[in-house]
Amino acid sequence: MVTNSGKTKEMIMGRIDISDLPPLCTKTGQIQRVHSFKLLGVYVDESLTRNCHIDYITAKASKCLYFFKVLERSGLPNHSLKHFILQLSIQYWNIVRLSGA
């Protein structure tokens, strides 16, 4: 099996001083060291907190809310606007339920 160094990430967890660790290298190149990454739709950081994922979801919700403001200003009927808001709420609460937040 050949490791694709362009898609492979290394993340060090715990109380280890990473400045002393040499970079991880394979035959295809050096593996990128990251502080957080997306795994199965959930952002994971090196301290295993939910902060990175919550920031991502908050930014995504903020974009949707701005979209609703634009729709409201454009004169979209209230029943259509309520439908969009309901769909967003269902998606948000499903994410919260699955993440255990």
PDB file of N, CA and C in Angstrom:
ATOM      1  N   MET A   1       0.845  -1.172   0.000  1.00  0.00           N
ATOM      2  CA  MET A   1       0.000   0.000   0.000  1.00  0.00           C
ATOM      3  C   MET A   1       0.895   1.241   0.000  1.00  0.00           C
ATOM      4  N   VAL A   2       0.540   2.204  -0.823  1.00  0.00           N
ATOM      5  CA  VAL A   2       1.307   3.438  -0.927  1.00  0.00           C
ATOM      6  C   VAL A   2       0.524   4.548  -0.239  1.00  0.00           C
ATOM      7  N   THR A   3       1.184   5.294   0.619  1.00  0.00           N
ATOM      8  CA  THR A   3       0.556   6.403   1.329  1.00  0.00           C
ATOM      9  C   THR A   3       0.616   7.655   0.473  1.00  0.00           C
ATOM     10  N   ASN A   4      -0.512   8.321   0.296  1.00  0.00           N
ATOM     11  CA  ASN A   4      -0.564   9.575  -0.445  1.00  0.00           C
ATOM     12  C   ASN A   4      -0.239  10.704   0.529  1.00  0.00           C
ATOM     13  N   SER A   5       0.959  11.245   0.462  1.00  0.00           N
ATOM     14  CA  SER A   5       1.378  12.275   1.412  1.00  0.00           C
ATOM     15  C   SER A   5       0.622  13.582   1.213  1.00  0.00           C
ATOM     16  N   GLY A   6       0.006  13.786   0.066  1.00  0.00           N
ATOM     17  CA  GLY A   6      -0.788  14.989  -0.162  1.00  0.00           C
ATOM     18  C   GLY A   6      -2.117  14.974   0.579  1.00  0.00           C
ATOM     19  N   LYS A   7      -2.634  13.776   0.856  1.00  0.00           N
ATOM     20  CA  LYS A   7      -3.917  13.652   1.548  1.00  0.00           C
ATOM     21  C   LYS A   7      -3.774  13.227   2.998  1.00  0.00           C
ATOM     22  N   THR A   8      -2.578  12.813   3.397  1.00  0.00           N
ATOM     23  CA  THR A   8      -2.364  12.307   4.748  1.00  0.00           C
ATOM     24  C   THR A   8      -1.956  13.439   5.669  1.00  0.00           C
ATOM     25  N   LYS A   9      -2.538  13.474   6.862  1.00  0.00           N
ATOM     26  CA  LYS A   9      -2.238  14.501   7.867  1.00  0.00           C
ATOM     27  C   LYS A   9      -1.757  13.828   9.137  1.00  0.00           C
ATOM     28  N   GLU A  10      -0.919  14.548   9.874  1.00  0.00           N
ATOM     29  CA  GLU A  10      -0.443  14.072  11.161  1.00  0.00           C
ATOM     30  C   GLU A  10      -0.891  15.075  12.219  1.00  0.00           C
ATOM     31  N   MET A  11      -1.476  14.573  13.304  1.00  0.00           N
ATOM     32  CA  MET A  11      -1.867  15.433  14.411  1.00  0.00           C
ATOM     33  C   MET A  11      -1.379  14.793  15.701  1.00  0.00           C
ATOM     34  N   ILE A  12      -0.646  15.554  16.489  1.00  0.00           N
ATOM     35  CA  ILE A  12      -0.098  15.061  17.748  1.00  0.00           C
ATOM     36  C   ILE A  12      -1.038  15.502  18.863  1.00  0.00           C
ATOM     37  N   MET A  13      -1.502  14.543  19.652  1.00  0.00           N
ATOM     38  CA  MET A  13      -2.417  14.836  20.757  1.00  0.00           C
ATOM     39  C   MET A  13      -1.701  14.602  22.073  1.00  0.00           C
ATOM     40  N   GLY A  14      -2.029  15.421  23.044  1.00  0.00           N
ATOM     41  CA  GLY A  14      -1.452  15.231  24.364  1.00  0.00           C
ATOM     42  C   GLY A  14      -0.487  16.336  24.723  1.00  0.00           C
ATOM     43  N   ARG A  15       0.189  16.138  25.832  1.00  0.00           N
ATOM     44  CA  ARG A  15       1.109  17.150  26.356  1.00  0.00           C
ATOM     45  C   ARG A  15       2.534  16.867  25.909  1.00  0.00           C
ATOM     46  N   ILE A  16       2.731  16.810  24.635  1.00  0.00           N
ATOM     47  CA  ILE A  16       4.034  16.529  24.060  1.00  0.00           C
ATOM     48  C   ILE A  16       4.554  17.808  23.417  1.00  0.00           C
ATOM     49  N   ASP A  17       5.814  18.118  23.641  1.00  0.00           N
ATOM     50  CA  ASP A  17       6.427  19.274  23.002  1.00  0.00           C
ATOM     51  C   ASP A  17       6.748  18.895  21.555  1.00  0.00           C
ATOM     52  N   ILE A  18       5.947  19.400  20.631  1.00  0.00           N
ATOM     53  CA  ILE A  18       6.092  18.995  19.231  1.00  0.00           C
ATOM     54  C   ILE A  18       7.295  19.639  18.555  1.00  0.00           C
ATOM     55  N   SER A  19       7.904  20.636  19.196  1.00  0.00           N
ATOM     56  CA  SER A  19       9.073  21.257  18.576  1.00  0.00           C
ATOM     57  C   SER A  19      10.266  20.295  18.563  1.00  0.00           C
ATOM     58  N   ASP A  20      10.263  19.311  19.471  1.00  0.00           N
ATOM     59  CA  ASP A  20      11.357  18.339  19.529  1.00  0.00           C
ATOM     60  C   ASP A  20      11.163  17.170  18.571  1.00  0.00           C
ATOM     61  N   LEU A  21       9.966  16.990  18.052  1.00  0.00           N
ATOM     62  CA  LEU A  21       9.677  15.843  17.191  1.00  0.00           C
ATOM     63  C   LEU A  21      10.057  16.147  15.745  1.00  0.00           C
ATOM     64  N   PRO A  22      10.753  15.228  15.094  1.00  0.00           N
ATOM     65  CA  PRO A  22      11.068  15.442  13.680  1.00  0.00           C
ATOM     66  C   PRO A  22       9.816  15.241  12.825  1.00  0.00           C
ATOM     67  N   PRO A  23       9.779  15.836  11.640  1.00  0.00           N
ATOM     68  CA  PRO A  23       8.612  15.642  10.760  1.00  0.00           C
ATOM     69  C   PRO A  23       8.516  14.188  10.297  1.00  0.00           C
ATOM     70  N   LEU A  24       7.306  13.744  10.084  1.00  0.00           N
ATOM     71  CA  LEU A  24       7.049  12.380   9.627  1.00  0.00           C
ATOM     72  C   LEU A  24       7.205  12.338   8.104  1.00  0.00           C
ATOM     73  N   CYS A  25       8.039  11.446   7.634  1.00  0.00           N
ATOM     74  CA  CYS A  25       8.307  11.346   6.194  1.00  0.00           C
ATOM     75  C   CYS A  25       8.025   9.934   5.695  1.00  0.00           C
ATOM     76  N   THR A  26       7.569   9.859   4.457  1.00  0.00           N
ATOM     77  CA  THR A  26       7.356   8.579   3.785  1.00  0.00           C
ATOM     78  C   THR A  26       8.138   8.595   2.473  1.00  0.00           C
ATOM     79  N   LYS A  27       8.016   7.526   1.705  1.00  0.00           N
ATOM     80  CA  LYS A  27       8.694   7.463   0.407  1.00  0.00           C
ATOM     81  C   LYS A  27       8.153   8.514  -0.561  1.00  0.00           C
ATOM     82  N   THR A  28       6.871   8.881  -0.397  1.00  0.00           N
ATOM     83  CA  THR A  28       6.256   9.838  -1.324  1.00  0.00           C
ATOM     84  C   THR A  28       6.424  11.282  -0.888  1.00  0.00           C
ATOM     85  N   GLY A  29       6.921  11.530   0.319  1.00  0.00           N
ATOM     86  CA  GLY A  29       7.138  12.902   0.767  1.00  0.00           C
ATOM     87  C   GLY A  29       6.851  13.076   2.247  1.00  0.00           C
ATOM     88  N   GLN A  30       6.927  14.330   2.666  1.00  0.00           N
ATOM     89  CA  GLN A  30       6.716  14.660   4.077  1.00  0.00           C
ATOM     90  C   GLN A  30       5.226  14.780   4.373  1.00  0.00           C
ATOM     91  N   ILE A  31       4.802  14.271   5.545  1.00  0.00           N
ATOM     92  CA  ILE A  31       3.404  14.337   5.986  1.00  0.00           C
ATOM     93  C   ILE A  31       3.174  15.676   6.681  1.00  0.00           C
ATOM     94  N   GLN A  32       2.099  16.338   6.311  1.00  0.00           N
ATOM     95  CA  GLN A  32       1.774  17.644   6.882  1.00  0.00           C
ATOM     96  C   GLN A  32       1.276  17.494   8.320  1.00  0.00           C
ATOM     97  N   ARG A  33       1.824  18.294   9.239  1.00  0.00           N
ATOM     98  CA  ARG A  33       1.399  18.290  10.640  1.00  0.00           C
ATOM     99  C   ARG A  33       0.345  19.389  10.814  1.00  0.00           C
ATOM    100  N   VAL A  34      -0.816  19.026  11.366  1.00  0.00           N
ATOM    101  CA  VAL A  34      -1.920  19.969  11.526  1.00  0.00           C
ATOM    102  C   VAL A  34      -2.360  20.030  12.985  1.00  0.00           C
ATOM    103  N   HIS A  35      -3.102  21.092  13.327  1.00  0.00           N
ATOM    104  CA  HIS A  35      -3.645  21.244  14.677  1.00  0.00           C
ATOM    105  C   HIS A  35      -5.099  20.780  14.753  1.00  0.00           C
ATOM    106  N   SER A  36      -5.779  20.745  13.588  1.00  0.00           N
ATOM    107  CA  SER A  36      -7.157  20.247  13.538  1.00  0.00           C
ATOM    108  C   SER A  36      -7.431  19.720  12.131  1.00  0.00           C
ATOM    109  N   PHE A  37      -8.433  18.830  12.015  1.00  0.00           N
ATOM    110  CA  PHE A  37      -8.837  18.318  10.715  1.00  0.00           C
ATOM    111  C   PHE A  37     -10.280  17.832  10.795  1.00  0.00           C
ATOM    112  N   LYS A  38     -10.853  17.615   9.630  1.00  0.00           N
ATOM    113  CA  LYS A  38     -12.238  17.169   9.546  1.00  0.00           C
ATOM    114  C   LYS A  38     -12.249  15.655   9.366  1.00  0.00           C
ATOM    115  N   LEU A  39     -12.930  14.968  10.282  1.00  0.00           N
ATOM    116  CA  LEU A  39     -13.023  13.518  10.245  1.00  0.00           C
ATOM    117  C   LEU A  39     -14.495  13.124  10.280  1.00  0.00           C
ATOM    118  N   LEU A  40     -14.981  12.530   9.206  1.00  0.00           N
ATOM    119  CA  LEU A  40     -16.376  12.101   9.091  1.00  0.00           C
ATOM    120  C   LEU A  40     -17.347  13.242   9.389  1.00  0.00           C
ATOM    121  N   GLY A  41     -17.019  14.444   8.891  1.00  0.00           N
ATOM    122  CA  GLY A  41     -17.911  15.589   9.031  1.00  0.00           C
ATOM    123  C   GLY A  41     -17.795  16.356  10.330  1.00  0.00           C
ATOM    124  N   VAL A  42     -16.906  15.936  11.217  1.00  0.00           N
ATOM    125  CA  VAL A  42     -16.732  16.606  12.506  1.00  0.00           C
ATOM    126  C   VAL A  42     -15.292  17.078  12.603  1.00  0.00           C
ATOM    127  N   TYR A  43     -15.108  18.344  12.986  1.00  0.00           N
ATOM    128  CA  TYR A  43     -13.764  18.872  13.155  1.00  0.00           C
ATOM    129  C   TYR A  43     -13.201  18.425  14.496  1.00  0.00           C
ATOM    130  N   VAL A  44     -11.977  17.903  14.456  1.00  0.00           N
ATOM    131  CA  VAL A  44     -11.288  17.401  15.639  1.00  0.00           C
ATOM    132  C   VAL A  44     -10.018  18.234  15.800  1.00  0.00           C
ATOM    133  N   ASP A  45      -9.736  18.683  17.034  1.00  0.00           N
ATOM    134  CA  ASP A  45      -8.489  19.400  17.261  1.00  0.00           C
ATOM    135  C   ASP A  45      -7.601  18.604  18.207  1.00  0.00           C
ATOM    136  N   GLU A  46      -6.380  19.084  18.375  1.00  0.00           N
ATOM    137  CA  GLU A  46      -5.383  18.308  19.112  1.00  0.00           C
ATOM    138  C   GLU A  46      -5.687  18.156  20.595  1.00  0.00           C
ATOM    139  N   SER A  47      -6.542  19.018  21.157  1.00  0.00           N
ATOM    140  CA  SER A  47      -6.909  18.884  22.569  1.00  0.00           C
ATOM    141  C   SER A  47      -8.251  18.160  22.747  1.00  0.00           C
ATOM    142  N   LEU A  48      -8.816  17.673  21.649  1.00  0.00           N
ATOM    143  CA  LEU A  48     -10.087  16.933  21.632  1.00  0.00           C
ATOM    144  C   LEU A  48     -11.245  17.739  22.231  1.00  0.00           C
ATOM    145  N   THR A  49     -11.261  19.044  21.985  1.00  0.00           N
ATOM    146  CA  THR A  49     -12.393  19.873  22.387  1.00  0.00           C
ATOM    147  C   THR A  49     -13.305  20.066  21.177  1.00  0.00           C
ATOM    148  N   ARG A  50     -14.476  20.571  21.422  1.00  0.00           N
ATOM    149  CA  ARG A  50     -15.442  20.794  20.340  1.00  0.00           C
ATOM    150  C   ARG A  50     -15.373  22.209  19.782  1.00  0.00           C
ATOM    151  N   ASN A  51     -14.440  23.013  20.251  1.00  0.00           N
ATOM    152  CA  ASN A  51     -14.391  24.424  19.869  1.00  0.00           C
ATOM    153  C   ASN A  51     -14.247  24.622  18.367  1.00  0.00           C
ATOM    154  N   CYS A  52     -13.388  23.869  17.724  1.00  0.00           N
ATOM    155  CA  CYS A  52     -13.170  24.006  16.290  1.00  0.00           C
ATOM    156  C   CYS A  52     -14.453  23.677  15.511  1.00  0.00           C
ATOM    157  N   HIS A  53     -15.139  22.623  15.914  1.00  0.00           N
ATOM    158  CA  HIS A  53     -16.373  22.226  15.241  1.00  0.00           C
ATOM    159  C   HIS A  53     -17.488  23.249  15.496  1.00  0.00           C
ATOM    160  N   ILE A  54     -17.574  23.751  16.715  1.00  0.00           N
ATOM    161  CA  ILE A  54     -18.598  24.747  17.046  1.00  0.00           C
ATOM    162  C   ILE A  54     -18.360  26.022  16.254  1.00  0.00           C
ATOM    163  N   ASP A  55     -17.109  26.444  16.100  1.00  0.00           N
ATOM    164  CA  ASP A  55     -16.798  27.627  15.290  1.00  0.00           C
ATOM    165  C   ASP A  55     -17.221  27.427  13.842  1.00  0.00           C
ATOM    166  N   TYR A  56     -16.992  26.217  13.319  1.00  0.00           N
ATOM    167  CA  TYR A  56     -17.387  25.910  11.943  1.00  0.00           C
ATOM    168  C   TYR A  56     -18.916  25.974  11.783  1.00  0.00           C
ATOM    169  N   ILE A  57     -19.637  25.359  12.697  1.00  0.00           N
ATOM    170  CA  ILE A  57     -21.108  25.352  12.625  1.00  0.00           C
ATOM    171  C   ILE A  57     -21.662  26.767  12.801  1.00  0.00           C
ATOM    172  N   THR A  58     -21.080  27.548  13.703  1.00  0.00           N
ATOM    173  CA  THR A  58     -21.529  28.918  13.929  1.00  0.00           C
ATOM    174  C   THR A  58     -21.339  29.762  12.679  1.00  0.00           C
ATOM    175  N   ALA A  59     -20.200  29.620  12.026  1.00  0.00           N
ATOM    176  CA  ALA A  59     -19.953  30.367  10.791  1.00  0.00           C
ATOM    177  C   ALA A  59     -20.937  29.955   9.699  1.00  0.00           C
ATOM    178  N   LYS A  60     -21.224  28.675   9.619  1.00  0.00           N
ATOM    179  CA  LYS A  60     -22.179  28.181   8.620  1.00  0.00           C
ATOM    180  C   LYS A  60     -23.587  28.725   8.889  1.00  0.00           C
ATOM    181  N   ALA A  61     -23.999  28.729  10.160  1.00  0.00           N
ATOM    182  CA  ALA A  61     -25.318  29.257  10.517  1.00  0.00           C
ATOM    183  C   ALA A  61     -25.391  30.757  10.267  1.00  0.00           C
ATOM    184  N   SER A  62     -24.300  31.464  10.514  1.00  0.00           N
ATOM    185  CA  SER A  62     -24.267  32.906  10.284  1.00  0.00           C
ATOM    186  C   SER A  62     -24.478  33.227   8.810  1.00  0.00           C
ATOM    187  N   LYS A  63     -23.877  32.436   7.935  1.00  0.00           N
ATOM    188  CA  LYS A  63     -24.075  32.628   6.498  1.00  0.00           C
ATOM    189  C   LYS A  63     -25.532  32.404   6.121  1.00  0.00           C
ATOM    190  N   CYS A  64     -26.159  31.389   6.706  1.00  0.00           N
ATOM    191  CA  CYS A  64     -27.570  31.107   6.412  1.00  0.00           C
ATOM    192  C   CYS A  64     -28.462  32.233   6.916  1.00  0.00           C
ATOM    193  N   LEU A  65     -28.175  32.753   8.093  1.00  0.00           N
ATOM    194  CA  LEU A  65     -28.988  33.848   8.624  1.00  0.00           C
ATOM    195  C   LEU A  65     -28.878  35.089   7.754  1.00  0.00           C
ATOM    196  N   TYR A  66     -27.687  35.359   7.243  1.00  0.00           N
ATOM    197  CA  TYR A  66     -27.538  36.479   6.321  1.00  0.00           C
ATOM    198  C   TYR A  66     -28.374  36.242   5.063  1.00  0.00           C
ATOM    199  N   PHE A  67     -28.381  35.011   4.591  1.00  0.00           N
ATOM    200  CA  PHE A  67     -29.188  34.649   3.427  1.00  0.00           C
ATOM    201  C   PHE A  67     -30.674  34.913   3.699  1.00  0.00           C
ATOM    202  N   PHE A  68     -31.136  34.591   4.913  1.00  0.00           N
ATOM    203  CA  PHE A  68     -32.535  34.854   5.265  1.00  0.00           C
ATOM    204  C   PHE A  68     -32.841  36.339   5.296  1.00  0.00           C
ATOM    205  N   LYS A  69     -31.905  37.138   5.772  1.00  0.00           N
ATOM    206  CA  LYS A  69     -32.111  38.593   5.769  1.00  0.00           C
ATOM    207  C   LYS A  69     -32.242  39.118   4.356  1.00  0.00           C
ATOM    208  N   VAL A  70     -31.418  38.606   3.455  1.00  0.00           N
ATOM    209  CA  VAL A  70     -31.490  39.025   2.050  1.00  0.00           C
ATOM    210  C   VAL A  70     -32.827  38.599   1.446  1.00  0.00           C
ATOM    211  N   LEU A  71     -33.281  37.391   1.743  1.00  0.00           N
ATOM    212  CA  LEU A  71     -34.576  36.922   1.234  1.00  0.00           C
ATOM    213  C   LEU A  71     -35.719  37.785   1.763  1.00  0.00           C
ATOM    214  N   GLU A  72     -35.650  38.123   3.041  1.00  0.00           N
ATOM    215  CA  GLU A  72     -36.705  38.927   3.647  1.00  0.00           C
ATOM    216  C   GLU A  72     -36.754  40.326   3.021  1.00  0.00           C
ATOM    217  N   ARG A  73     -35.580  40.901   2.786  1.00  0.00           N
ATOM    218  CA  ARG A  73     -35.528  42.239   2.178  1.00  0.00           C
ATOM    219  C   ARG A  73     -35.998  42.224   0.724  1.00  0.00           C
ATOM    220  N   SER A  74     -35.858  41.086   0.054  1.00  0.00           N
ATOM    221  CA  SER A  74     -36.254  41.009  -1.351  1.00  0.00           C
ATOM    222  C   SER A  74     -37.763  40.830  -1.526  1.00  0.00           C
ATOM    223  N   GLY A  75     -38.483  40.646  -0.419  1.00  0.00           N
ATOM    224  CA  GLY A  75     -39.930  40.540  -0.501  1.00  0.00           C
ATOM    225  C   GLY A  75     -40.450  39.125  -0.629  1.00  0.00           C
ATOM    226  N   LEU A  76     -39.698  38.157  -0.197  1.00  0.00           N
ATOM    227  CA  LEU A  76     -40.148  36.762  -0.226  1.00  0.00           C
ATOM    228  C   LEU A  76     -41.350  36.591   0.692  1.00  0.00           C
ATOM    229  N   PRO A  77     -42.379  35.885   0.261  1.00  0.00           N
ATOM    230  CA  PRO A  77     -43.552  35.688   1.118  1.00  0.00           C
ATOM    231  C   PRO A  77     -43.176  35.015   2.443  1.00  0.00           C
ATOM    232  N   ASN A  78     -43.895  35.359   3.499  1.00  0.00           N
ATOM    233  CA  ASN A  78     -43.580  34.858   4.836  1.00  0.00           C
ATOM    234  C   ASN A  78     -43.620  33.337   4.928  1.00  0.00           C
ATOM    235  N   HIS A  79     -44.587  32.682   4.248  1.00  0.00           N
ATOM    236  CA  HIS A  79     -44.670  31.221   4.348  1.00  0.00           C
ATOM    237  C   HIS A  79     -43.441  30.553   3.746  1.00  0.00           C
ATOM    238  N   SER A  80     -42.880  31.115   2.682  1.00  0.00           N
ATOM    239  CA  SER A  80     -41.657  30.558   2.091  1.00  0.00           C
ATOM    240  C   SER A  80     -40.457  30.768   3.007  1.00  0.00           C
ATOM    241  N   LEU A  81     -40.402  31.942   3.616  1.00  0.00           N
ATOM    242  CA  LEU A  81     -39.315  32.237   4.549  1.00  0.00           C
ATOM    243  C   LEU A  81     -39.380  31.314   5.762  1.00  0.00           C
ATOM    244  N   LYS A  82     -40.588  31.059   6.262  1.00  0.00           N
ATOM    245  CA  LYS A  82     -40.751  30.145   7.397  1.00  0.00           C
ATOM    246  C   LYS A  82     -40.315  28.725   7.024  1.00  0.00           C
ATOM    247  N   HIS A  83     -40.585  28.314   5.785  1.00  0.00           N
ATOM    248  CA  HIS A  83     -40.172  26.991   5.321  1.00  0.00           C
ATOM    249  C   HIS A  83     -38.646  26.867   5.339  1.00  0.00           C
ATOM    250  N   PHE A  84     -37.935  27.892   4.828  1.00  0.00           N
ATOM    251  CA  PHE A  84     -36.466  27.874   4.855  1.00  0.00           C
ATOM    252  C   PHE A  84     -35.941  27.818   6.284  1.00  0.00           C
ATOM    253  N   ILE A  85     -36.524  28.600   7.174  1.00  0.00           N
ATOM    254  CA  ILE A  85     -36.081  28.630   8.566  1.00  0.00           C
ATOM    255  C   ILE A  85     -36.320  27.274   9.225  1.00  0.00           C
ATOM    256  N   LEU A  86     -37.446  26.652   8.944  1.00  0.00           N
ATOM    257  CA  LEU A  86     -37.738  25.329   9.501  1.00  0.00           C
ATOM    258  C   LEU A  86     -36.719  24.299   9.028  1.00  0.00           C
ATOM    259  N   GLN A  87     -36.375  24.330   7.753  1.00  0.00           N
ATOM    260  CA  GLN A  87     -35.388  23.390   7.224  1.00  0.00           C
ATOM    261  C   GLN A  87     -34.022  23.584   7.895  1.00  0.00           C
ATOM    262  N   LEU A  88     -33.622  24.832   8.090  1.00  0.00           N
ATOM    263  CA  LEU A  88     -32.349  25.106   8.757  1.00  0.00           C
ATOM    264  C   LEU A  88     -32.381  24.611  10.195  1.00  0.00           C
ATOM    265  N   SER A  89     -33.487  24.833  10.885  1.00  0.00           N
ATOM    266  CA  SER A  89     -33.600  24.399  12.276  1.00  0.00           C
ATOM    267  C   SER A  89     -33.499  22.884  12.394  1.00  0.00           C
ATOM    268  N   ILE A  90     -34.133  22.179  11.491  1.00  0.00           N
ATOM    269  CA  ILE A  90     -34.086  20.709  11.508  1.00  0.00           C
ATOM    270  C   ILE A  90     -32.648  20.231  11.316  1.00  0.00           C
ATOM    271  N   GLN A  91     -31.930  20.818  10.362  1.00  0.00           N
ATOM    272  CA  GLN A  91     -30.545  20.422  10.124  1.00  0.00           C
ATOM    273  C   GLN A  91     -29.674  20.749  11.328  1.00  0.00           C
ATOM    274  N   TYR A  92     -29.853  21.937  11.910  1.00  0.00           N
ATOM    275  CA  TYR A  92     -29.038  22.350  13.055  1.00  0.00           C
ATOM    276  C   TYR A  92     -29.252  21.411  14.233  1.00  0.00           C
ATOM    277  N   TRP A  93     -30.498  21.123  14.592  1.00  0.00           N
ATOM    278  CA  TRP A  93     -30.754  20.287  15.743  1.00  0.00           C
ATOM    279  C   TRP A  93     -30.332  18.836  15.518  1.00  0.00           C
ATOM    280  N   ASN A  94     -30.368  18.400  14.254  1.00  0.00           N
ATOM    281  CA  ASN A  94     -29.868  17.062  13.947  1.00  0.00           C
ATOM    282  C   ASN A  94     -28.360  16.986  14.168  1.00  0.00           C
ATOM    283  N   ILE A  95     -27.639  18.038  13.777  1.00  0.00           N
ATOM    284  CA  ILE A  95     -26.186  18.082  13.991  1.00  0.00           C
ATOM    285  C   ILE A  95     -25.892  18.093  15.485  1.00  0.00           C
ATOM    286  N   VAL A  96     -26.627  18.902  16.257  1.00  0.00           N
ATOM    287  CA  VAL A  96     -26.410  18.992  17.687  1.00  0.00           C
ATOM    288  C   VAL A  96     -26.693  17.650  18.356  1.00  0.00           C
ATOM    289  N   ARG A  97     -27.773  16.993  17.941  1.00  0.00           N
ATOM    290  CA  ARG A  97     -28.137  15.701  18.536  1.00  0.00           C
ATOM    291  C   ARG A  97     -27.064  14.652  18.249  1.00  0.00           C
ATOM    292  N   LEU A  98     -26.557  14.625  17.010  1.00  0.00           N
ATOM    293  CA  LEU A  98     -25.560  13.614  16.640  1.00  0.00           C
ATOM    294  C   LEU A  98     -24.197  13.874  17.276  1.00  0.00           C
ATOM    295  N   SER A  99     -23.852  15.163  17.486  1.00  0.00           N
ATOM    296  CA  SER A  99     -22.540  15.478  18.042  1.00  0.00           C
ATOM    297  C   SER A  99     -22.538  15.363  19.562  1.00  0.00           C
ATOM    298  N   GLY A 100     -23.705  15.314  20.178  1.00  0.00           N
ATOM    299  CA  GLY A 100     -23.773  15.188  21.636  1.00  0.00           C
ATOM    300  C   GLY A 100     -23.453  16.474  22.361  1.00  0.00           C
ATOM    301  N   ALA A 101     -23.561  17.602  21.676  1.00  0.00           N
ATOM    302  CA  ALA A 101     -23.243  18.889  22.313  1.00  0.00           C
ATOM    303  C   ALA A 101     -24.292  19.299  23.309  1.00  0.00           C
TER     304      ALA A 101
END
